[in-house]
Amino acid sequence: MLERMHEDVERCVRAVQSKDARFDGWFFTAVLTTGIYCRPSCPVVPPKPRNMRFYPSAAAAQQAGFRACKRCRPDASPGSPLWNERADVVARAMRLIADGVVDREGVAGVATRLGYSTRQLQRQLLAELGAGPLALARAQRAQTARVLLETSSVPMGDVAFAAGFASVRSFNETVREVFHRTPTEVRTRAARGHPATTPGTLALRLPFRQPFCPDNLFGHLVATAVPGVEEWRDGAYRRTLRLPHGHGIVALRPLPDYVDCRLTLTNLRDLSTAISRCRWLLDLDADPVAVDDLLRADPVLAPVVNKDVGRRVPRTVDPVEFAVRAVLGQQVSTSAARTLAARLVTAHGEPVADPAGGLTHLFPDPATLASLDPEQLAMPKSRRATLTSLIAALAGGELDLSVGSDWQRARGELAALPGFGPWTIETIAMRALGDPDAFIPTDLGIRRAAENLGLPTTPAGLTARSAVWSPWRAYAVQYLWSTGDHAVNRLPD
């Protein structure tokens, strides 16, 4: 199984010898003779098999005393798709660690969110990843430090604390240990030929596994964009970000080999969280080959998949925001839902400055929304009740939609609220929770696609038919939507 691929030595050796980029992030190769670790697709001549050792995480390789390869930069490879595909405690913990929870709340904070003791969490992560939560968070801090060193002129002391290190000394020691260079050397090497950016803006490359189809991904985000919070400008999707220590603005531009990411942050401590949320938004850690291979095994879907391989599921940077917008979009057109959300943002969102574009606000948070007079909301009484019950549950902590949430429990909590039917619940599960098997057979676009393809059109019939697409039914939704002529299926002009 791919979950334990690092233990399958022969398969790992074949992946390294063929420089198979598909397995970047699945495992890491350490070389005994050089003391470095690499991603499987490293362009250097592969070492002899007897000199290879395989680890399930960059943190495990670092703990074993290996430093990151300067050529292939294994610490910057796409994340393992397992952490987005699975709903068990290890996957949920990895999503929380990526979101920076260890740095903000400590290991105990992650364990509490998951309902485990710190010892239980440590044991499970060590068993599967070869490293505990502190080591995993340390590896993430090292990567964040590298990004800041290579893309900004921020003073070294500020880089250290922005990356989450407790002291400049630990920052210096970690960078030297992981990258075999001092922080100054990392910055100096990157500065050679590095393109200039707008002052205060960090320029990053977000890697992904090929193939990559940006059409529906960016098309969907732009077609449903809330004015003031999101926009398409100069070939990039831009939006405001509410972050733990402040706010930010991000511009994401799809390119053939990576997504160009330009970040402006009010507090640099939010960098790793912002990167993680942008990757989550664009589903960049997915394994499109595995998804497409399963879906094209269905002869009905095969032509649709082969037309535009590599579709991702458009997600969200803020699950709470998306849940509110999903309710606003109940039984109305996309345009009407955008208008309702824009009114909410203009009246109650937190203003932000955007010298580079037309972004004006952060989407209002649950505490702000909880203080609203429901009578001010221009929508039917029943939908007002649905929205206010959702906001109350979110503001009161009774509903967890975070990246570390339990998908099935969240579905149950949503179903207990008035006005939450299968369409709303599964839409939230697909795009806010990130469940790759979420399915919305009652969606009008899905039913039209089913009819055109000769599939069952009743919710029960289509759900039964969709069993062969599991566990990738959320991706099947993207391919089914692609059969219609709608703005969500194409990149904006």
Protein backbone atom coordinates (compact mmCIF):
# COMPACT_ATOMS: atom_id res chain seq x y z
CA MET A 1 0.00 0.00 0.00
CA LEU A 2 1.16 3.54 -0.70
CA GLU A 3 0.55 4.44 2.96
CA ARG A 4 3.67 2.43 3.84
CA MET A 5 5.50 2.86 0.58
CA HIS A 6 8.80 3.77 2.26
CA GLU A 7 8.92 0.18 3.54
CA ASP A 8 8.66 -1.25 0.01
CA VAL A 9 12.36 -0.93 -0.82
CA GLU A 10 12.20 -2.39 -4.33
CA ARG A 11 9.37 -0.11 -5.37
CA CYS A 12 11.13 2.94 -3.90
CA VAL A 13 14.35 2.07 -5.72
CA ARG A 14 12.47 1.79 -9.03
CA ALA A 15 10.80 5.17 -8.42
CA VAL A 16 14.17 6.81 -7.70
CA GLN A 17 15.92 5.19 -10.68
CA SER A 18 13.14 6.34 -13.01
CA LYS A 19 13.00 9.80 -11.36
CA ASP A 20 9.24 9.41 -11.01
CA ALA A 21 7.89 12.80 -9.88
CA ARG A 22 4.55 11.25 -9.03
CA PHE A 23 6.06 9.92 -5.80
CA ASP A 24 7.50 13.26 -4.63
CA GLY A 25 6.10 13.71 -1.15
CA TRP A 26 5.16 10.04 -0.77
CA PHE A 27 8.62 9.17 0.58
CA PHE A 28 12.13 10.60 0.82
CA THR A 29 15.43 8.99 -0.18
CA ALA A 30 18.45 9.37 2.10
CA VAL A 31 21.90 8.66 0.70
CA LEU A 32 24.37 7.12 3.16
CA THR A 33 27.48 8.18 1.26
CA THR A 34 26.59 11.87 1.02
CA GLY A 35 24.45 12.43 4.11
CA ILE A 36 21.67 14.12 2.12
CA TYR A 37 18.04 13.27 1.45
CA CYS A 38 16.19 13.84 -1.81
CA ARG A 39 12.81 13.61 -3.46
CA PRO A 40 12.36 10.60 -5.81
CA SER A 41 12.59 12.82 -8.92
CA CYS A 42 15.96 14.35 -7.98
CA PRO A 43 17.81 15.07 -11.27
CA VAL A 44 21.22 13.87 -10.04
CA VAL A 45 22.49 10.40 -10.90
CA PRO A 46 20.70 7.96 -8.56
CA PRO A 47 22.93 6.37 -5.90
CA LYS A 48 23.50 2.66 -5.68
CA PRO A 49 20.54 0.89 -4.04
CA ARG A 50 22.69 -0.35 -1.16
CA ASN A 51 23.36 3.29 -0.23
CA MET A 52 19.67 4.30 -0.18
CA ARG A 53 17.47 4.55 2.89
CA PHE A 54 13.81 5.56 2.70
CA TYR A 55 11.79 7.70 5.07
CA PRO A 56 8.08 8.57 5.19
CA SER A 57 8.65 12.27 5.92
CA ALA A 58 11.26 14.99 5.57
CA ALA A 59 11.20 15.33 9.36
CA ALA A 60 12.13 11.67 9.79
CA ALA A 61 15.07 12.04 7.39
CA GLN A 62 16.22 15.16 9.23
CA GLN A 63 15.94 13.39 12.60
CA ALA A 64 18.13 10.61 11.24
CA GLY A 65 20.84 13.17 10.56
CA PHE A 66 20.40 13.78 6.82
CA ARG A 67 20.32 17.27 5.29
CA ALA A 68 18.17 18.46 2.41
CA CYS A 69 19.53 18.15 -1.13
CA LYS A 70 20.44 21.56 -2.56
CA ARG A 71 19.47 20.46 -6.06
CA CYS A 72 15.98 18.98 -5.72
CA ARG A 73 14.91 20.74 -2.48
CA PRO A 74 12.94 17.82 -1.06
CA ASP A 75 11.51 19.95 1.75
CA ALA A 76 9.60 21.94 -0.89
CA SER A 77 8.04 18.96 -2.66
CA PRO A 78 4.23 18.61 -2.81
CA GLY A 79 2.78 17.21 0.39
CA SER A 80 1.67 13.62 0.61
CA PRO A 81 -1.85 13.28 -0.78
CA LEU A 82 -2.64 10.94 2.11
CA TRP A 83 -3.20 13.82 4.51
CA ASN A 84 -5.99 15.19 2.32
CA GLU A 85 -7.50 11.83 1.38
CA ARG A 86 -7.81 10.30 4.81
CA ALA A 87 -9.98 11.14 7.80
CA ASP A 88 -8.12 9.24 10.54
CA VAL A 89 -6.30 10.89 13.43
CA VAL A 90 -2.87 10.95 11.74
CA ALA A 91 -4.21 12.68 8.64
CA ARG A 92 -6.20 15.16 10.73
CA ALA A 93 -3.10 15.85 12.85
CA MET A 94 -1.00 16.49 9.75
CA ARG A 95 -3.55 18.97 8.43
CA LEU A 96 -3.51 20.80 11.77
CA ILE A 97 0.31 20.83 11.90
CA ALA A 98 0.41 22.24 8.36
CA ASP A 99 -1.99 24.97 9.48
CA GLY A 100 0.49 26.00 12.20
CA VAL A 101 -1.44 24.76 15.23
CA VAL A 102 1.68 23.34 16.95
CA ASP A 103 3.35 26.76 16.84
CA ARG A 104 0.22 28.53 18.12
CA GLU A 105 -1.16 26.03 20.63
CA GLY A 106 1.59 23.48 21.18
CA VAL A 107 1.36 19.71 20.79
CA ALA A 108 -1.23 19.66 23.57
CA GLY A 109 -3.43 21.96 21.46
CA VAL A 110 -3.35 19.57 18.51
CA ALA A 111 -4.06 16.58 20.76
CA THR A 112 -6.97 18.34 22.46
CA ARG A 113 -8.54 19.22 19.12
CA LEU A 114 -8.35 15.57 18.13
CA GLY A 115 -9.57 14.21 21.46
CA TYR A 116 -6.33 12.34 22.17
CA SER A 117 -3.61 12.58 24.79
CA THR A 118 -0.25 14.00 23.72
CA ARG A 119 1.32 10.57 24.30
CA GLN A 120 -1.24 8.84 22.05
CA LEU A 121 -0.70 11.44 19.33
CA GLN A 122 3.08 11.16 19.56
CA ARG A 123 2.91 7.36 19.32
CA GLN A 124 0.66 7.36 16.24
CA LEU A 125 2.72 9.94 14.35
CA LEU A 126 5.98 8.16 15.16
CA ALA A 127 4.57 4.85 13.98
CA GLU A 128 3.48 6.18 10.60
CA LEU A 129 5.81 9.11 9.88
CA GLY A 130 8.92 8.29 11.85
CA ALA A 131 8.70 11.66 13.59
CA GLY A 132 6.61 13.24 16.31
CA PRO A 133 4.60 16.48 16.10
CA LEU A 134 7.48 18.68 17.30
CA ALA A 135 9.86 17.28 14.67
CA LEU A 136 7.23 17.66 11.96
CA ALA A 137 6.59 21.26 13.00
CA ARG A 138 10.35 21.92 13.08
CA ALA A 139 10.70 20.71 9.50
CA GLN A 140 7.90 23.06 8.52
CA ARG A 141 9.60 25.96 10.31
CA ALA A 142 12.80 25.25 8.38
CA GLN A 143 10.92 25.40 5.07
CA THR A 144 9.19 28.63 6.10
CA ALA A 145 12.55 30.13 7.04
CA ARG A 146 13.96 29.15 3.66
CA VAL A 147 11.04 30.83 1.86
CA LEU A 148 11.56 34.05 3.82
CA LEU A 149 15.31 33.99 3.30
CA GLU A 150 14.97 33.44 -0.43
CA THR A 151 12.06 35.75 -1.21
CA SER A 152 12.45 38.72 1.13
CA SER A 153 14.93 41.14 2.65
CA VAL A 154 13.43 40.70 6.12
CA PRO A 155 16.16 40.95 8.82
CA MET A 156 17.44 37.61 10.09
CA GLY A 157 16.01 38.03 13.57
CA ASP A 158 12.57 38.73 12.15
CA VAL A 159 12.86 35.69 9.86
CA ALA A 160 13.59 33.50 12.87
CA PHE A 161 10.53 34.54 14.83
CA ALA A 162 8.26 34.75 11.79
CA ALA A 163 9.14 31.13 10.97
CA GLY A 164 8.17 30.07 14.48
CA PHE A 165 11.58 29.60 16.12
CA ALA A 166 11.85 30.42 19.82
CA SER A 167 15.29 32.01 19.40
CA VAL A 168 17.73 33.20 16.75
CA ARG A 169 20.14 30.54 17.97
CA SER A 170 17.72 27.67 17.28
CA PHE A 171 16.93 29.25 13.90
CA ASN A 172 20.62 29.36 12.94
CA GLU A 173 21.25 25.82 14.13
CA THR A 174 18.24 24.37 12.33
CA VAL A 175 18.98 26.09 9.01
CA ARG A 176 22.60 24.92 9.11
CA GLU A 177 21.57 21.40 10.03
CA VAL A 178 18.77 21.02 7.48
CA PHE A 179 20.26 22.91 4.52
CA HIS A 180 23.99 22.66 5.27
CA ARG A 181 24.23 26.43 4.84
CA THR A 182 24.03 29.40 7.16
CA PRO A 183 20.96 31.61 6.79
CA THR A 184 23.12 34.27 5.13
CA GLU A 185 24.42 31.75 2.60
CA VAL A 186 20.87 30.60 1.80
CA ARG A 187 19.84 34.20 1.14
CA THR A 188 22.95 35.10 -0.86
CA ARG A 189 22.64 32.05 -3.11
CA ALA A 190 18.96 32.75 -3.83
CA ALA A 191 19.60 36.44 -4.57
CA ARG A 192 21.60 35.63 -7.71
CA GLY A 193 19.24 36.30 -10.57
CA HIS A 194 16.19 36.38 -8.31
CA PRO A 195 13.45 38.53 -9.89
CA ALA A 196 12.46 41.70 -8.09
CA THR A 197 9.06 41.84 -6.43
CA THR A 198 6.86 44.58 -5.07
CA PRO A 199 8.18 45.73 -1.66
CA GLY A 200 6.42 43.82 1.10
CA THR A 201 5.32 41.05 -1.27
CA LEU A 202 6.66 37.50 -1.04
CA ALA A 203 6.98 35.62 -4.35
CA LEU A 204 6.63 31.84 -4.05
CA ARG A 205 6.25 28.83 -6.30
CA LEU A 206 3.61 26.32 -5.23
CA PRO A 207 4.48 22.90 -6.73
CA PHE A 208 1.97 20.25 -7.73
CA ARG A 209 1.88 16.80 -9.29
CA GLN A 210 1.22 16.64 -13.01
CA PRO A 211 -1.14 16.60 -14.80
CA PHE A 212 -2.81 19.83 -13.74
CA CYS A 213 -5.99 21.31 -15.22
CA PRO A 214 -6.49 24.86 -13.91
CA ASP A 215 -9.64 25.57 -15.91
CA ASN A 216 -12.34 24.41 -13.51
CA LEU A 217 -10.23 25.22 -10.46
CA PHE A 218 -9.77 28.91 -11.17
CA GLY A 219 -12.94 29.14 -13.24
CA HIS A 220 -15.04 28.03 -10.27
CA LEU A 221 -13.31 30.36 -7.82
CA VAL A 222 -13.72 33.36 -10.10
CA ALA A 223 -17.29 32.59 -11.20
CA THR A 224 -18.40 32.47 -7.56
CA ALA A 225 -16.09 35.26 -6.31
CA VAL A 226 -17.50 37.69 -3.77
CA PRO A 227 -16.72 41.30 -4.80
CA GLY A 228 -14.38 42.96 -2.33
CA VAL A 229 -13.08 39.62 -1.04
CA GLU A 230 -12.05 37.99 -4.35
CA GLU A 231 -11.23 39.09 -7.88
CA TRP A 232 -9.55 38.02 -11.13
CA ARG A 233 -6.91 40.54 -12.16
CA ASP A 234 -4.05 40.29 -14.67
CA GLY A 235 -4.37 36.53 -15.04
CA ALA A 236 -4.42 35.83 -11.30
CA TYR A 237 -7.05 34.93 -8.73
CA ARG A 238 -6.69 37.35 -5.83
CA ARG A 239 -8.36 37.30 -2.44
CA THR A 240 -8.10 38.50 1.15
CA LEU A 241 -7.05 36.09 3.89
CA ARG A 242 -8.06 36.09 7.56
CA LEU A 243 -5.08 34.60 9.41
CA PRO A 244 -4.25 33.81 13.06
CA HIS A 245 -2.01 36.86 13.62
CA GLY A 246 -3.41 39.32 11.10
CA HIS A 247 -4.58 39.32 7.52
CA GLY A 248 -3.14 39.03 4.05
CA ILE A 249 -3.76 39.32 0.33
CA VAL A 250 -2.74 36.57 -2.08
CA ALA A 251 -2.52 36.46 -5.87
CA LEU A 252 -2.44 32.97 -7.41
CA ARG A 253 -1.55 32.58 -11.09
CA PRO A 254 -1.57 29.13 -12.79
CA LEU A 255 1.56 28.34 -14.80
CA PRO A 256 2.53 25.09 -16.57
CA ASP A 257 4.87 23.79 -13.86
CA TYR A 258 3.72 25.55 -10.71
CA VAL A 259 1.29 28.11 -9.31
CA ASP A 260 2.84 31.53 -8.93
CA CYS A 261 1.93 32.86 -5.47
CA ARG A 262 2.33 36.49 -4.38
CA LEU A 263 1.62 37.07 -0.70
CA THR A 264 1.32 40.29 1.26
CA LEU A 265 0.98 39.74 5.01
CA THR A 266 0.46 42.08 7.94
CA ASN A 267 2.33 39.60 10.16
CA LEU A 268 5.03 37.31 8.80
CA ARG A 269 4.26 34.70 11.47
CA ASP A 270 1.29 33.78 9.28
CA LEU A 271 3.42 32.75 6.29
CA SER A 272 3.37 28.97 6.71
CA THR A 273 -0.35 29.02 7.51
CA ALA A 274 -1.07 31.17 4.45
CA ILE A 275 0.91 28.82 2.19
CA SER A 276 -0.85 25.78 3.61
CA ARG A 277 -4.28 27.35 3.10
CA CYS A 278 -3.48 28.33 -0.49
CA ARG A 279 -2.34 24.80 -1.26
CA TRP A 280 -5.52 23.46 0.34
CA LEU A 281 -7.64 25.94 -1.65
CA LEU A 282 -6.18 24.72 -4.95
CA ASP A 283 -5.94 21.02 -3.94
CA LEU A 284 -2.28 21.04 -4.91
CA ASP A 285 -1.30 17.94 -2.94
CA ALA A 286 -3.69 15.69 -4.86
CA ASP A 287 -2.48 12.64 -6.80
CA PRO A 288 -4.24 13.23 -10.15
CA VAL A 289 -2.89 10.06 -11.77
CA ALA A 290 -4.50 7.87 -9.12
CA VAL A 291 -7.77 9.81 -9.32
CA ASP A 292 -8.00 9.83 -13.10
CA ASP A 293 -6.99 6.18 -13.44
CA LEU A 294 -9.87 5.09 -11.23
CA LEU A 295 -12.44 7.38 -12.84
CA ARG A 296 -11.52 6.51 -16.43
CA ALA A 297 -12.01 2.84 -15.59
CA ASP A 298 -15.70 3.70 -15.91
CA PRO A 299 -16.39 3.70 -19.68
CA VAL A 300 -18.98 6.46 -19.27
CA LEU A 301 -16.54 8.82 -17.56
CA ALA A 302 -13.43 7.86 -19.53
CA PRO A 303 -13.99 10.28 -22.48
CA VAL A 304 -14.80 13.11 -20.07
CA VAL A 305 -11.67 12.49 -18.01
CA ASN A 306 -9.42 12.13 -21.06
CA LYS A 307 -10.60 15.45 -22.46
CA ASP A 308 -9.03 17.45 -19.60
CA VAL A 309 -7.00 15.31 -17.20
CA GLY A 310 -5.82 16.52 -13.83
CA ARG A 311 -8.88 18.33 -12.52
CA ARG A 312 -8.71 19.43 -8.89
CA VAL A 313 -11.46 20.19 -6.39
CA PRO A 314 -11.74 23.94 -5.68
CA ARG A 315 -11.77 24.31 -1.91
CA THR A 316 -11.60 27.30 0.41
CA VAL A 317 -9.13 29.18 2.60
CA ASP A 318 -11.81 29.64 5.27
CA PRO A 319 -14.29 26.81 6.01
CA VAL A 320 -16.52 29.09 8.11
CA GLU A 321 -16.77 31.60 5.28
CA PHE A 322 -17.61 28.86 2.82
CA ALA A 323 -20.33 27.37 5.03
CA VAL A 324 -22.02 30.78 5.32
CA ARG A 325 -21.77 31.28 1.56
CA ALA A 326 -23.20 27.81 0.94
CA VAL A 327 -26.32 28.78 2.90
CA LEU A 328 -26.56 32.09 1.04
CA GLY A 329 -26.44 30.09 -2.19
CA GLN A 330 -29.31 27.77 -1.33
CA GLN A 331 -31.96 27.76 -4.09
CA VAL A 332 -30.64 30.91 -5.79
CA SER A 333 -28.42 31.55 -8.81
CA THR A 334 -24.67 32.01 -8.57
CA SER A 335 -25.11 35.71 -9.32
CA ALA A 336 -27.74 36.15 -6.58
CA ALA A 337 -25.54 34.33 -4.05
CA ARG A 338 -22.61 36.62 -4.89
CA THR A 339 -24.81 39.67 -4.43
CA LEU A 340 -26.05 38.51 -1.01
CA ALA A 341 -22.50 37.73 0.14
CA ALA A 342 -21.19 41.08 -1.18
CA ARG A 343 -23.83 42.96 0.83
CA LEU A 344 -22.85 41.07 3.95
CA VAL A 345 -19.17 41.84 3.34
CA THR A 346 -19.70 45.53 2.63
CA ALA A 347 -21.84 46.03 5.73
CA HIS A 348 -19.96 43.86 8.21
CA GLY A 349 -16.58 42.82 6.80
CA GLU A 350 -13.31 44.21 8.16
CA PRO A 351 -11.86 46.80 5.72
CA VAL A 352 -8.41 46.16 4.24
CA ALA A 353 -6.16 48.19 1.97
CA ASP A 354 -5.20 46.78 -1.43
CA PRO A 355 -3.00 49.18 -3.42
CA ALA A 356 -2.56 46.56 -6.17
CA GLY A 357 -6.24 45.91 -6.89
CA GLY A 358 -9.86 46.06 -5.90
CA LEU A 359 -10.01 43.99 -2.72
CA THR A 360 -11.66 45.88 0.12
CA HIS A 361 -12.69 43.57 2.98
CA LEU A 362 -12.17 40.38 4.92
CA PHE A 363 -15.22 38.17 5.07
CA PRO A 364 -16.90 38.75 8.49
CA ASP A 365 -15.99 36.24 11.20
CA PRO A 366 -18.53 34.23 13.24
CA ALA A 367 -18.42 36.62 16.22
CA THR A 368 -19.32 39.55 13.98
CA LEU A 369 -22.02 37.61 12.18
CA ALA A 370 -23.49 36.45 15.51
CA SER A 371 -24.13 40.07 16.48
CA LEU A 372 -26.23 40.81 13.37
CA ASP A 373 -29.95 41.46 13.46
CA PRO A 374 -31.42 38.60 11.37
CA GLU A 375 -34.19 40.92 10.16
CA GLN A 376 -31.54 42.90 8.25
CA LEU A 377 -30.78 39.91 6.03
CA ALA A 378 -32.60 40.17 2.71
CA MET A 379 -33.63 36.54 2.36
CA PRO A 380 -36.63 34.30 3.07
CA LYS A 381 -37.44 33.71 6.74
CA SER A 382 -36.61 30.00 6.58
CA ARG A 383 -33.16 30.67 5.11
CA ARG A 384 -32.53 33.36 7.72
CA ALA A 385 -33.23 30.72 10.37
CA THR A 386 -30.78 28.36 8.66
CA LEU A 387 -28.08 31.01 8.52
CA THR A 388 -28.52 32.21 12.10
CA SER A 389 -28.47 28.65 13.46
CA LEU A 390 -25.24 27.96 11.55
CA ILE A 391 -23.63 31.17 12.81
CA ALA A 392 -24.66 30.40 16.40
CA ALA A 393 -23.19 26.90 16.19
CA LEU A 394 -19.93 28.23 14.73
CA ALA A 395 -19.63 31.13 17.17
CA GLY A 396 -20.42 28.86 20.13
CA GLY A 397 -17.86 26.21 19.14
CA GLU A 398 -20.55 23.56 18.70
CA LEU A 399 -19.59 22.96 15.05
CA ASP A 400 -16.03 22.17 13.92
CA LEU A 401 -15.32 22.75 10.24
CA SER A 402 -11.55 23.20 10.61
CA VAL A 403 -8.96 21.27 8.59
CA GLY A 404 -8.60 18.90 11.53
CA SER A 405 -12.31 18.17 11.86
CA ASP A 406 -13.89 14.74 11.74
CA TRP A 407 -15.75 14.68 8.42
CA GLN A 408 -18.57 12.38 9.47
CA ARG A 409 -19.10 14.10 12.79
CA ALA A 410 -19.27 17.48 11.02
CA ARG A 411 -21.88 16.10 8.64
CA GLY A 412 -23.96 14.99 11.62
CA GLU A 413 -23.62 18.37 13.31
CA LEU A 414 -24.72 20.15 10.13
CA ALA A 415 -27.66 17.78 9.62
CA ALA A 416 -28.91 18.65 13.10
CA LEU A 417 -29.29 22.32 12.12
CA PRO A 418 -32.54 23.51 10.49
CA GLY A 419 -32.48 23.88 6.72
CA PHE A 420 -29.41 21.73 6.07
CA GLY A 421 -30.22 19.14 3.43
CA PRO A 422 -27.94 16.78 1.48
CA TRP A 423 -26.89 19.38 -1.14
CA THR A 424 -25.64 21.92 1.40
CA ILE A 425 -24.00 19.33 3.64
CA GLU A 426 -22.16 17.56 0.82
CA THR A 427 -21.12 20.85 -0.79
CA ILE A 428 -19.56 21.90 2.52
CA ALA A 429 -18.01 18.45 2.92
CA MET A 430 -16.47 18.66 -0.55
CA ARG A 431 -15.14 22.21 -0.53
CA ALA A 432 -14.75 23.22 3.12
CA LEU A 433 -13.92 19.93 4.83
CA GLY A 434 -12.04 18.55 1.82
CA ASP A 435 -13.61 15.07 1.77
CA PRO A 436 -12.52 13.61 -1.61
CA ASP A 437 -15.53 11.29 -1.64
CA ALA A 438 -18.22 13.94 -1.08
CA PHE A 439 -20.99 13.67 -3.67
CA ILE A 440 -23.96 15.92 -4.58
CA PRO A 441 -26.43 13.91 -6.70
CA THR A 442 -29.19 16.51 -6.16
CA ASP A 443 -27.18 19.29 -7.82
CA LEU A 444 -28.84 20.54 -10.99
CA GLY A 445 -25.60 20.57 -12.98
CA ILE A 446 -24.82 17.00 -11.92
CA ARG A 447 -28.30 15.79 -12.86
CA ARG A 448 -28.04 17.42 -16.30
CA ALA A 449 -24.63 15.84 -16.85
CA ALA A 450 -25.99 12.46 -15.78
CA GLU A 451 -28.86 12.75 -18.23
CA ASN A 452 -26.53 13.70 -21.09
CA LEU A 453 -24.22 10.78 -20.31
CA GLY A 454 -26.98 8.23 -19.92
CA LEU A 455 -26.48 7.85 -16.17
CA PRO A 456 -29.34 7.57 -13.63
CA THR A 457 -30.81 10.98 -12.82
CA THR A 458 -32.57 10.26 -9.53
CA PRO A 459 -30.48 10.97 -6.40
CA ALA A 460 -30.79 7.38 -5.20
CA GLY A 461 -29.97 5.91 -8.61
CA LEU A 462 -27.01 8.19 -9.23
CA THR A 463 -25.64 7.65 -5.72
CA ALA A 464 -25.76 3.88 -6.26
CA ARG A 465 -24.09 4.27 -9.68
CA SER A 466 -21.38 6.51 -8.19
CA ALA A 467 -20.10 3.72 -5.91
CA VAL A 468 -17.54 2.74 -8.56
CA TRP A 469 -16.04 6.24 -8.38
CA SER A 470 -15.34 6.02 -4.65
CA PRO A 471 -13.17 7.27 -2.96
CA TRP A 472 -12.86 10.04 -5.57
CA ARG A 473 -16.46 11.10 -6.07
CA ALA A 474 -15.69 14.78 -5.40
CA TYR A 475 -13.40 14.64 -8.44
CA ALA A 476 -16.11 12.87 -10.44
CA VAL A 477 -18.28 15.89 -9.64
CA GLN A 478 -15.70 18.16 -11.28
CA TYR A 479 -15.67 16.03 -14.43
CA LEU A 480 -19.46 15.82 -14.55
CA TRP A 481 -19.72 19.60 -14.22
CA SER A 482 -17.24 19.95 -17.09
CA THR A 483 -19.79 18.56 -19.55
CA GLY A 484 -21.88 21.74 -19.21
CA ASP A 485 -21.30 25.16 -20.75
CA HIS A 486 -20.74 27.25 -17.65
CA ALA A 487 -18.17 29.83 -16.55
CA VAL A 488 -17.02 27.53 -13.73
CA ASN A 489 -15.43 25.27 -16.36
CA ARG A 490 -13.05 27.75 -17.96
CA LEU A 491 -10.34 30.21 -17.09
CA PRO A 492 -11.53 33.83 -17.23
CA ASP A 493 -10.38 35.98 -20.13
